[in-house]
């Protein structure tokens, strides 16, 4: 498996973790309740927020490039 496959697997794993335990992510945008969860082994984070009946993935963002670019997304 190449690096792309490893990245895909790490993202799928992260999505599974936050779906099972939505409170696990660090709160990063307090007024809008966005949370972030770091992708294991890669410099990326999953940005998401909980809603009453589901979870919304807002962005898969690089940990250091263009910080906060996703904050305009609701």
Protein backbone atom coordinates (compact mmCIF):
# COMPACT_ATOMS: atom_id res chain seq x y z
CA UNK A 1 0.00 0.00 0.00
CA UNK A 2 1.32 3.43 -0.90
CA UNK A 3 1.23 6.65 1.07
CA UNK A 4 -2.12 7.62 -0.47
CA UNK A 5 -3.67 4.39 0.74
CA UNK A 6 -2.24 4.92 4.21
CA UNK A 7 -3.65 8.45 4.28
CA UNK A 8 -7.06 7.17 3.17
CA UNK A 9 -7.06 4.52 5.89
CA UNK A 10 -6.04 7.07 8.54
CA UNK A 11 -8.87 9.42 7.50
CA UNK A 12 -11.44 6.59 7.50
CA UNK A 13 -10.23 5.58 10.96
CA UNK A 14 -10.51 9.19 12.22
CA UNK A 15 -14.05 9.50 10.87
CA UNK A 16 -14.99 6.29 12.66
CA UNK A 17 -13.52 7.51 15.93
CA UNK A 18 -15.34 10.86 15.88
CA UNK A 19 -18.61 9.19 14.88
CA UNK A 20 -18.35 6.85 17.87
CA UNK A 21 -17.04 9.51 20.29
CA UNK A 22 -17.93 13.00 19.00
CA UNK A 23 -16.76 14.67 22.21
CA UNK A 24 -13.17 13.45 21.64
CA UNK A 25 -12.17 16.37 19.43
CA UNK A 26 -10.68 19.58 20.76
CA UNK A 27 -13.09 22.54 20.59
CA UNK A 28 -11.61 25.08 18.14
CA UNK A 29 -14.42 27.46 17.17
CA UNK A 30 -16.45 28.05 20.31
CA UNK A 31 -19.41 30.03 18.93
CA UNK A 32 -20.08 27.40 16.26
CA UNK A 33 -18.99 24.33 18.24
CA UNK A 34 -16.45 23.09 15.72
CA UNK A 35 -14.06 20.42 16.93
CA UNK A 36 -10.82 19.06 15.51
CA UNK A 37 -9.31 15.60 15.57
CA UNK A 38 -5.74 14.99 14.40
CA UNK A 39 -5.16 12.36 11.72
CA UNK A 40 -2.68 9.76 12.99
CA UNK A 41 0.65 9.86 11.16
CA UNK A 42 -0.19 12.86 8.93
CA UNK A 43 -0.15 16.64 9.39
CA UNK A 44 -3.91 16.91 8.87
CA UNK A 45 -6.91 17.40 11.10
CA UNK A 46 -10.55 16.57 10.69
CA UNK A 47 -12.79 19.55 11.47
CA UNK A 48 -16.34 18.62 12.40
CA UNK A 49 -19.36 19.65 14.45
CA UNK A 50 -22.12 17.75 16.14
CA UNK A 51 -25.76 18.32 15.35
CA UNK A 52 -28.77 16.82 17.08
CA UNK A 53 -28.97 13.71 14.92
CA UNK A 54 -25.69 13.62 13.03
CA UNK A 55 -22.13 14.84 12.62
CA UNK A 56 -20.99 17.28 9.92
CA UNK A 57 -17.44 17.08 8.59
CA UNK A 58 -16.53 20.66 7.73
CA UNK A 59 -12.98 20.17 6.46
CA UNK A 60 -9.96 17.94 6.21
CA UNK A 61 -7.38 20.63 6.83
CA UNK A 62 -3.58 20.71 6.83
CA UNK A 63 -2.38 21.34 10.36
CA UNK A 64 -0.21 24.34 9.48
CA UNK A 65 -1.13 25.66 6.04
CA UNK A 66 -3.83 28.33 5.80
CA UNK A 67 -5.03 27.95 9.39
CA UNK A 68 -8.69 28.74 9.90
CA UNK A 69 -9.61 28.86 6.19
CA UNK A 70 -12.57 26.61 6.92
CA UNK A 71 -14.13 28.92 9.54
CA UNK A 72 -16.43 30.52 6.96
CA UNK A 73 -18.14 27.18 6.45
CA UNK A 74 -21.31 26.54 8.40
